[in-house]
Amino acid sequence: MKKRILALLLALTALLLSACGGQYQAQDLMADVRAQPVSSVVQDPEADALAATEFSVRLFQACLTEGENTLVSPLSVLYALAMTANGAQGETLAQMEAVLGLPLEELNACLCSYRQTLTEREGGQLNIANSIWLKDDGSLQVNEDFLNANASWYDAGVYQAPFDKSTVQDINAWVEDHTGGLIQDILDDIPASAVLYLINALVFDAQWQNVYYDYQVQKGTFTKEDGTRQETEFMYSDEYAFLEDDSATGVMKNYEGGTYAFVALLPKEGVSLAEYAASLTGERVQNLLETVQNVKVDTAIPKFRSEYTGELSELLQDMGITDAFDPDLADFSALGETANGPLYISRVLHKTFLTVDERGTQAGAATIVEASEGAAAPEEVKTLYLDRPFLYMIVDLETGLPVFLGTAVDLDQ
């Protein structure tokens, strides 16, 4: 009997370890990768934040689909593409730098510095992880400088795997592990031509600074742009952070600690959500966040959840990164070489999930780049009920950087 109990305990322990994702079938190569100390001193933090916000807004606009909810994490995409850029040269690198908004050296320092600040903040509300996966059949010869750079700047883990079904399982498990289980099954299969994956995973989990009590949650009606009415639960509160520009009014609600905030922007009557979203720029978003008014806002925020799955290759090409996706033009010679033709980006997979409720917000995102061969309350009171389609952000208040950008147009999606 004791032996049976011991066997059951051992089996249960193994199952728990497997469920926690502590073990992957892929080979961990970090013992052979030399991460070097790097200087993450940023010369102009405000300019870097503006460049990152500009990229964030452009990517968000490119992902919009009329009549559908949108949710992207530009920060996750930025990390994945920046790691990839460390293997690019010539015109391929120039195009990536132009779209990402910063020269590679400055981008590396900026993103390294930002990740380091997260470890210094209490609470761990936002966590970022990066990894690189290499095909183990000998077809890919990776430059050590590329791996060392990504280990140094991005703390990227490196794995070698057969790129079969076990690798699909490993990559999906790694993403799930590093997004708190919010992002699952981002990779469906591995094409025969794929030789490398660069992956970013990001998770945000924060409680409201002032959580909602039961009496503050009441049923209400959300009206879509086509007039369809949806019954849902709204969370009512008084906030003291009002935003406004020519085309929208908004409210900011802080998360615990005051480092991050949920920002909702409601287009004014006569302005569609698509029109407002198209009018945004990085500078306009930053100006909005810098001109928050200390005005009492009678606020109603719907409880909602949103998720998005997309392949971003065409969108990124439309934004200006073209050569990287063309086998005949891509120059990733700083990354490595293969026996079967030049390296190029074949897919950029992006998946997000977010839920907003009485407690706060949970959100996760993952991006995979697939490389293939070949004060006192004022008297004035505003009212802002988010009972029709609106735009929202989760914003890092210390940098002004949008971690997530989304639209809520249909609460039943």
Protein backbone atom coordinates (compact mmCIF):
# COMPACT_ATOMS: atom_id res chain seq x y z
CA MET A 1 0.00 0.00 0.00
CA LYS A 2 2.79 2.43 0.93
CA LYS A 3 4.50 1.77 -2.41
CA ARG A 4 1.27 2.49 -4.27
CA ILE A 5 0.78 5.75 -2.36
CA LEU A 6 4.39 6.75 -3.06
CA ALA A 7 3.96 5.96 -6.75
CA LEU A 8 0.80 8.05 -6.90
CA LEU A 9 2.55 10.97 -5.18
CA LEU A 10 5.46 10.78 -7.62
CA ALA A 11 3.08 10.66 -10.58
CA LEU A 12 1.15 13.64 -9.22
CA THR A 13 4.36 15.60 -8.70
CA ALA A 14 5.43 14.90 -12.29
CA LEU A 15 2.03 15.97 -13.55
CA LEU A 16 2.19 19.23 -11.62
CA LEU A 17 5.68 19.98 -12.90
CA SER A 18 4.49 19.35 -16.45
CA ALA A 19 1.40 21.53 -15.94
CA CYS A 20 3.54 24.36 -14.60
CA GLY A 21 5.64 24.26 -17.75
CA GLY A 22 8.89 23.87 -15.85
CA GLN A 23 10.26 21.44 -18.42
CA TYR A 24 10.46 21.60 -22.21
CA GLN A 25 11.56 18.90 -24.59
CA ALA A 26 13.68 21.46 -26.45
CA GLN A 27 17.35 21.78 -25.56
CA ASP A 28 18.25 24.88 -23.51
CA LEU A 29 21.32 26.51 -25.10
CA MET A 30 21.84 29.32 -22.59
CA ALA A 31 25.02 27.68 -21.27
CA ASP A 32 26.60 28.45 -24.66
CA VAL A 33 25.27 32.01 -24.95
CA ARG A 34 27.33 34.84 -23.44
CA ALA A 35 25.16 37.69 -22.28
CA GLN A 36 27.29 40.81 -21.84
CA PRO A 37 26.74 43.78 -19.52
CA VAL A 38 25.14 46.56 -21.56
CA SER A 39 24.53 50.23 -20.93
CA SER A 40 20.80 50.87 -21.01
CA VAL A 41 21.19 54.60 -20.45
CA VAL A 42 18.64 56.37 -22.64
CA GLN A 43 19.71 59.77 -23.94
CA ASP A 44 16.24 61.19 -24.61
CA PRO A 45 13.50 59.20 -22.80
CA GLU A 46 10.70 61.51 -23.92
CA ALA A 47 11.63 61.24 -27.61
CA ASP A 48 11.94 57.45 -27.30
CA ALA A 49 8.52 57.21 -25.61
CA LEU A 50 6.99 59.34 -28.35
CA ALA A 51 8.52 57.14 -31.07
CA ALA A 52 7.21 54.00 -29.36
CA THR A 53 3.76 55.56 -28.96
CA GLU A 54 3.73 56.56 -32.63
CA PHE A 55 4.48 52.97 -33.64
CA SER A 56 1.80 51.76 -31.20
CA VAL A 57 -0.88 53.98 -32.72
CA ARG A 58 0.05 53.08 -36.30
CA LEU A 59 -0.03 49.36 -35.54
CA PHE A 60 -3.36 49.70 -33.74
CA GLN A 61 -4.84 51.59 -36.71
CA ALA A 62 -3.56 48.94 -39.12
CA CYS A 63 -5.27 46.20 -37.10
CA LEU A 64 -8.70 47.87 -36.95
CA THR A 65 -11.58 46.06 -38.62
CA GLU A 66 -14.91 47.85 -38.84
CA GLY A 67 -17.58 46.29 -36.67
CA GLU A 68 -15.15 44.09 -34.75
CA ASN A 69 -13.37 44.45 -31.42
CA THR A 70 -9.65 45.11 -31.64
CA LEU A 71 -7.01 44.41 -29.02
CA VAL A 72 -3.28 44.65 -29.68
CA SER A 73 -0.20 44.95 -27.53
CA PRO A 74 2.16 47.14 -29.55
CA LEU A 75 4.76 46.71 -26.83
CA SER A 76 4.84 42.95 -27.38
CA VAL A 77 5.19 43.39 -31.16
CA LEU A 78 7.90 46.00 -30.63
CA TYR A 79 10.00 43.63 -28.51
CA ALA A 80 9.68 40.74 -31.00
CA LEU A 81 10.57 42.89 -34.00
CA ALA A 82 13.44 44.62 -32.19
CA MET A 83 14.99 41.23 -31.40
CA THR A 84 14.62 40.30 -35.06
CA ALA A 85 16.20 43.59 -36.15
CA ASN A 86 19.41 42.59 -34.38
CA GLY A 87 19.89 40.11 -37.22
CA ALA A 88 19.11 42.57 -40.02
CA GLN A 89 21.47 44.63 -42.15
CA GLY A 90 21.36 47.10 -45.03
CA GLU A 91 18.00 48.21 -46.40
CA THR A 92 16.17 45.55 -44.39
CA LEU A 93 17.46 47.08 -41.15
CA ALA A 94 16.82 50.63 -42.39
CA GLN A 95 13.17 49.84 -43.09
CA MET A 96 12.70 48.19 -39.69
CA GLU A 97 14.29 51.16 -37.92
CA ALA A 98 12.08 53.59 -39.85
CA VAL A 99 8.87 51.78 -38.89
CA LEU A 100 9.89 51.03 -35.30
CA GLY A 101 10.86 54.67 -34.93
CA LEU A 102 14.40 54.43 -33.55
CA PRO A 103 17.90 53.38 -34.66
CA LEU A 104 18.62 49.82 -33.52
CA GLU A 105 21.21 50.75 -30.90
CA GLU A 106 18.85 53.26 -29.34
CA LEU A 107 15.90 50.86 -29.59
CA ASN A 108 17.88 48.15 -27.82
CA ALA A 109 18.82 50.52 -25.00
CA CYS A 110 15.28 51.88 -24.71
CA LEU A 111 13.59 48.47 -24.47
CA CYS A 112 16.30 47.09 -22.18
CA SER A 113 15.92 50.08 -19.86
CA TYR A 114 12.15 49.73 -19.83
CA ARG A 115 12.30 46.03 -18.96
CA GLN A 116 14.76 46.78 -16.16
CA THR A 117 12.45 49.40 -14.65
CA LEU A 118 9.72 46.75 -14.41
CA THR A 119 11.87 44.62 -12.11
CA GLU A 120 12.36 47.64 -9.83
CA ARG A 121 8.65 48.34 -9.46
CA GLU A 122 6.74 46.80 -6.60
CA GLY A 123 3.88 44.46 -7.34
CA GLY A 124 5.05 43.02 -10.67
CA GLN A 125 1.89 44.12 -12.50
CA LEU A 126 3.58 43.89 -15.92
CA ASN A 127 6.01 41.12 -16.83
CA ILE A 128 7.89 40.64 -20.10
CA ALA A 129 9.75 37.56 -21.34
CA ASN A 130 11.62 36.79 -24.57
CA SER A 131 12.97 33.65 -26.20
CA ILE A 132 14.58 32.36 -29.40
CA TRP A 133 13.98 28.89 -30.84
CA LEU A 134 16.36 27.31 -33.37
CA LYS A 135 15.85 24.32 -35.65
CA ASP A 136 18.26 21.53 -34.73
CA ASP A 137 18.78 19.85 -38.12
CA GLY A 138 21.97 21.78 -38.85
CA SER A 139 20.43 23.80 -41.71
CA LEU A 140 20.70 27.05 -39.74
CA GLN A 141 24.06 28.48 -38.75
CA VAL A 142 23.32 31.26 -36.27
CA ASN A 143 25.80 34.05 -35.63
CA GLU A 144 26.88 34.05 -31.99
CA ASP A 145 26.79 37.85 -31.95
CA PHE A 146 23.06 37.75 -32.75
CA LEU A 147 22.29 35.40 -29.87
CA ASN A 148 24.59 37.28 -27.50
CA ALA A 149 23.00 40.62 -28.39
CA ASN A 150 19.48 39.36 -27.72
CA ALA A 151 20.56 37.67 -24.49
CA SER A 152 22.26 40.89 -23.38
CA TRP A 153 19.59 43.43 -24.35
CA TYR A 154 16.43 41.31 -24.01
CA ASP A 155 17.39 38.54 -21.58
CA ALA A 156 16.19 36.16 -24.29
CA GLY A 157 16.38 32.46 -23.59
CA VAL A 158 17.64 30.23 -26.42
CA TYR A 159 16.30 26.77 -27.24
CA GLN A 160 17.11 24.23 -29.94
CA ALA A 161 14.37 21.89 -31.09
CA PRO A 162 13.40 19.56 -33.96
CA PHE A 163 10.57 21.83 -35.14
CA ASP A 164 8.03 19.04 -35.08
CA LYS A 165 4.84 18.58 -33.04
CA SER A 166 6.84 18.47 -29.83
CA THR A 167 8.22 21.93 -30.62
CA VAL A 168 4.73 23.30 -31.26
CA GLN A 169 3.80 22.00 -27.82
CA ASP A 170 6.94 23.47 -26.25
CA ILE A 171 6.46 26.92 -27.76
CA ASN A 172 2.80 27.03 -26.81
CA ALA A 173 3.69 25.88 -23.29
CA TRP A 174 6.41 28.56 -23.00
CA VAL A 175 3.96 31.27 -24.08
CA GLU A 176 1.27 29.98 -21.72
CA ASP A 177 3.77 29.85 -18.84
CA HIS A 178 4.89 33.43 -19.43
CA THR A 179 1.41 34.92 -19.86
CA GLY A 180 -0.09 33.41 -16.74
CA GLY A 181 -2.14 30.99 -18.84
CA LEU A 182 -3.96 33.80 -20.68
CA ILE A 183 -2.49 33.06 -24.13
CA GLN A 184 -2.83 29.47 -25.30
CA ASP A 185 -2.17 27.67 -28.59
CA ILE A 186 -0.74 30.66 -30.46
CA LEU A 187 1.22 28.36 -32.80
CA ASP A 188 -0.78 25.83 -34.79
CA ASP A 189 1.94 24.23 -36.88
CA ILE A 190 5.52 24.68 -38.02
CA PRO A 191 6.09 24.87 -41.79
CA ALA A 192 8.93 22.82 -43.21
CA SER A 193 10.75 26.00 -44.26
CA ALA A 194 10.73 27.54 -40.75
CA VAL A 195 14.14 27.53 -39.04
CA LEU A 196 13.82 30.10 -36.25
CA TYR A 197 11.24 31.72 -33.96
CA LEU A 198 11.66 34.92 -31.93
CA ILE A 199 9.00 35.21 -29.26
CA ASN A 200 7.80 37.85 -26.82
CA ALA A 201 5.29 37.13 -24.08
CA LEU A 202 3.74 39.80 -21.92
CA VAL A 203 1.25 39.66 -19.04
CA PHE A 204 -0.50 42.45 -17.13
CA ASP A 205 -2.43 41.75 -13.93
CA ALA A 206 -3.51 44.64 -11.73
CA GLN A 207 -6.22 45.48 -9.26
CA TRP A 208 -8.02 48.81 -9.38
CA GLN A 209 -6.78 51.42 -6.95
CA ASN A 210 -10.42 51.61 -5.87
CA VAL A 211 -12.18 48.33 -6.52
CA TYR A 212 -15.92 48.20 -7.12
CA TYR A 213 -18.40 47.06 -4.48
CA ASP A 214 -21.44 44.97 -5.35
CA TYR A 215 -23.80 47.95 -5.18
CA GLN A 216 -21.71 49.76 -7.81
CA VAL A 217 -22.35 47.05 -10.40
CA GLN A 218 -25.71 47.35 -12.14
CA LYS A 219 -27.27 46.12 -15.35
CA GLY A 220 -27.46 48.54 -18.25
CA THR A 221 -27.62 48.80 -22.02
CA PHE A 222 -24.72 49.09 -24.46
CA THR A 223 -25.73 50.35 -27.92
CA LYS A 224 -23.64 49.34 -30.92
CA GLU A 225 -23.09 51.73 -33.84
CA ASP A 226 -25.74 49.93 -35.89
CA GLY A 227 -28.30 50.53 -33.13
CA THR A 228 -28.25 47.00 -31.72
CA ARG A 229 -28.78 47.03 -27.96
CA GLN A 230 -26.90 44.69 -25.64
CA GLU A 231 -27.71 44.11 -21.99
CA THR A 232 -24.60 44.02 -19.82
CA GLU A 233 -23.26 44.92 -16.38
CA PHE A 234 -21.78 48.37 -15.81
CA MET A 235 -19.43 49.42 -13.03
CA TYR A 236 -20.35 52.88 -11.67
CA SER A 237 -17.97 55.21 -9.84
CA ASP A 238 -16.81 58.80 -9.49
CA GLU A 239 -13.38 59.39 -10.97
CA TYR A 240 -11.28 62.55 -10.94
CA ALA A 241 -9.32 62.32 -14.18
CA PHE A 242 -11.11 63.75 -17.23
CA LEU A 243 -9.66 63.83 -20.75
CA GLU A 244 -10.94 65.73 -23.77
CA ASP A 245 -9.92 66.73 -27.26
CA ASP A 246 -11.86 68.04 -30.25
CA SER A 247 -13.43 64.68 -31.06
CA ALA A 248 -13.69 62.67 -27.83
CA THR A 249 -14.06 62.77 -24.07
CA GLY A 250 -12.42 60.29 -21.78
CA VAL A 251 -11.68 59.10 -18.27
CA MET A 252 -8.64 57.63 -16.57
CA LYS A 253 -8.93 55.07 -13.77
CA ASN A 254 -5.75 54.09 -11.93
CA TYR A 255 -4.64 50.65 -10.95
CA GLU A 256 -3.24 49.96 -7.50
CA GLY A 257 0.09 51.70 -7.03
CA GLY A 258 -0.65 54.44 -9.56
CA THR A 259 1.89 53.27 -12.15
CA TYR A 260 -0.66 52.05 -14.71
CA ALA A 261 -4.09 53.27 -15.69
CA PHE A 262 -7.08 52.27 -17.78
CA VAL A 263 -7.94 55.05 -20.22
CA ALA A 264 -11.25 55.08 -22.11
CA LEU A 265 -12.06 57.54 -24.89
CA LEU A 266 -15.62 57.99 -26.13
CA PRO A 267 -16.06 59.74 -29.51
CA LYS A 268 -18.35 62.74 -29.40
CA GLU A 269 -21.75 62.60 -31.04
CA GLY A 270 -21.40 62.63 -34.82
CA VAL A 271 -17.89 61.11 -34.75
CA SER A 272 -17.62 57.39 -35.46
CA LEU A 273 -15.14 55.25 -33.57
CA ALA A 274 -13.34 54.43 -36.83
CA GLU A 275 -12.99 58.14 -37.66
CA TYR A 276 -11.63 58.92 -34.24
CA ALA A 277 -9.18 56.03 -34.22
CA ALA A 278 -7.92 57.02 -37.68
CA SER A 279 -7.24 60.58 -36.46
CA LEU A 280 -4.92 59.56 -33.66
CA THR A 281 -1.18 60.06 -33.68
CA GLY A 282 1.44 59.27 -31.09
CA GLU A 283 1.78 62.97 -30.27
CA ARG A 284 -1.98 63.36 -29.87
CA VAL A 285 -2.16 60.41 -27.47
CA GLN A 286 0.73 61.74 -25.41
CA ASN A 287 -0.83 65.23 -25.28
CA LEU A 288 -4.11 63.75 -24.08
CA LEU A 289 -2.38 61.88 -21.28
CA GLU A 290 -0.44 64.97 -20.26
CA THR A 291 -3.54 67.20 -20.02
CA VAL A 292 -5.70 65.18 -17.65
CA GLN A 293 -8.15 67.46 -15.85
CA ASN A 294 -8.88 67.09 -12.14
CA VAL A 295 -12.63 67.12 -12.70
CA LYS A 296 -15.20 64.84 -11.09
CA VAL A 297 -16.47 62.32 -13.65
CA ASP A 298 -19.60 60.26 -13.06
CA THR A 299 -18.40 57.12 -14.82
CA ALA A 300 -19.88 53.83 -16.01
CA ILE A 301 -17.51 51.21 -17.42
CA PRO A 302 -18.93 47.96 -18.80
CA LYS A 303 -17.53 44.66 -17.63
CA PHE A 304 -16.08 43.09 -20.75
CA ARG A 305 -13.50 40.78 -22.17
CA SER A 306 -11.74 40.87 -25.50
CA GLU A 307 -9.32 38.73 -27.46
CA TYR A 308 -7.57 38.99 -30.78
CA THR A 309 -5.61 36.64 -32.99
CA GLY A 310 -3.90 37.93 -36.09
CA GLU A 311 -1.10 37.42 -38.57
CA LEU A 312 0.58 40.80 -39.00
CA SER A 313 2.82 40.28 -42.03
CA GLU A 314 0.69 42.24 -44.52
CA LEU A 315 0.02 45.03 -42.01
CA LEU A 316 3.72 45.46 -41.26
CA GLN A 317 4.53 45.50 -44.97
CA ASP A 318 1.90 48.20 -45.46
CA MET A 319 3.58 50.16 -42.65
CA GLY A 320 6.90 50.02 -44.52
CA ILE A 321 8.75 46.85 -43.52
CA THR A 322 8.80 45.20 -46.95
CA ASP A 323 12.22 43.71 -47.67
CA ALA A 324 12.23 41.61 -44.49
CA PHE A 325 9.32 39.55 -45.86
CA ASP A 326 10.79 39.07 -49.34
CA PRO A 327 13.10 36.06 -49.76
CA ASP A 328 14.88 37.84 -52.62
CA LEU A 329 15.44 41.12 -50.75
CA ALA A 330 15.67 40.28 -47.03
CA ASP A 331 19.12 40.76 -45.50
CA PHE A 332 19.38 38.88 -42.21
CA SER A 333 23.04 38.07 -42.69
CA ALA A 334 23.79 39.37 -39.17
CA LEU A 335 21.48 36.64 -37.84
CA GLY A 336 23.01 33.70 -39.65
CA GLU A 337 22.73 31.68 -42.80
CA THR A 338 21.18 28.49 -44.09
CA ALA A 339 22.16 25.94 -46.69
CA ASN A 340 18.78 26.22 -48.40
CA GLY A 341 18.58 29.92 -49.19
CA PRO A 342 18.43 33.34 -47.51
CA LEU A 343 16.50 34.00 -44.31
CA TYR A 344 13.33 36.07 -44.36
CA ILE A 345 10.30 36.67 -42.11
CA SER A 346 7.47 34.39 -43.15
CA ARG A 347 4.91 35.13 -40.39
CA VAL A 348 4.34 37.46 -37.44
CA LEU A 349 1.72 35.93 -35.16
CA HIS A 350 0.04 38.06 -32.50
CA LYS A 351 -2.49 36.97 -29.90
CA THR A 352 -4.03 38.95 -27.03
CA PHE A 353 -6.58 38.51 -24.26
CA LEU A 354 -8.05 41.02 -21.79
CA THR A 355 -10.75 41.04 -19.14
CA VAL A 356 -12.05 44.06 -17.21
CA ASP A 357 -14.19 43.51 -14.11
CA GLU A 358 -14.80 44.74 -10.54
CA ARG A 359 -11.38 43.60 -9.33
CA GLY A 360 -9.26 45.08 -12.07
CA THR A 361 -7.71 43.94 -15.34
CA GLN A 362 -5.93 40.84 -16.57
CA ALA A 363 -4.32 40.98 -19.99
CA GLY A 364 -1.86 38.86 -21.89
CA ALA A 365 -0.14 39.10 -25.24
CA ALA A 366 2.33 37.10 -27.27
CA THR A 367 4.11 37.83 -30.55
CA ILE A 368 5.98 35.27 -32.64
CA VAL A 369 8.27 36.22 -35.51
CA GLU A 370 8.76 33.18 -37.72
CA ALA A 371 11.92 33.22 -39.81
CA SER A 372 12.02 30.85 -42.73
CA GLU A 373 14.69 30.00 -45.18
CA GLY A 374 15.06 30.57 -48.83
CA ALA A 375 -6.60 66.73 -5.10
CA ALA A 376 -10.06 68.07 -3.57
CA ALA A 377 -13.10 67.47 -5.78
CA PRO A 378 -13.97 70.47 -7.96
CA GLU A 379 -17.58 71.56 -8.18
CA GLU A 380 -17.88 70.79 -11.89
CA VAL A 381 -19.12 67.27 -12.63
CA LYS A 382 -18.79 65.47 -15.96
CA THR A 383 -20.70 62.38 -17.00
CA LEU A 384 -19.08 59.66 -19.09
CA TYR A 385 -21.00 56.43 -19.57
CA LEU A 386 -19.26 54.00 -21.89
CA ASP A 387 -22.57 52.70 -23.19
CA ARG A 388 -21.59 52.82 -26.86
CA PRO A 389 -18.42 51.86 -28.79
CA PHE A 390 -15.25 53.30 -27.28
CA LEU A 391 -11.48 53.14 -27.53
CA TYR A 392 -9.39 52.10 -24.55
CA MET A 393 -5.76 51.79 -23.47
CA ILE A 394 -3.74 50.38 -20.63
CA VAL A 395 -1.09 53.02 -20.15
CA ASP A 396 2.21 53.07 -18.29
CA LEU A 397 1.90 56.45 -16.57
CA GLU A 398 5.63 56.79 -15.94
CA THR A 399 6.46 56.69 -19.65
CA GLY A 400 3.12 57.43 -21.31
CA LEU A 401 3.51 54.20 -23.28
CA PRO A 402 0.36 52.27 -24.27
CA VAL A 403 0.89 48.64 -23.26
CA PHE A 404 -2.44 47.62 -24.80
CA LEU A 405 -4.72 49.43 -27.26
CA GLY A 406 -8.21 48.29 -28.10
CA THR A 407 -11.74 49.08 -29.18
CA ALA A 408 -14.98 47.79 -27.66
CA VAL A 409 -17.67 47.79 -30.33
CA ASP A 410 -19.53 44.57 -29.50
CA LEU A 411 -19.64 43.25 -25.94
CA ASP A 412 -20.93 39.86 -27.11
CA GLN A 413 -17.91 39.10 -29.31
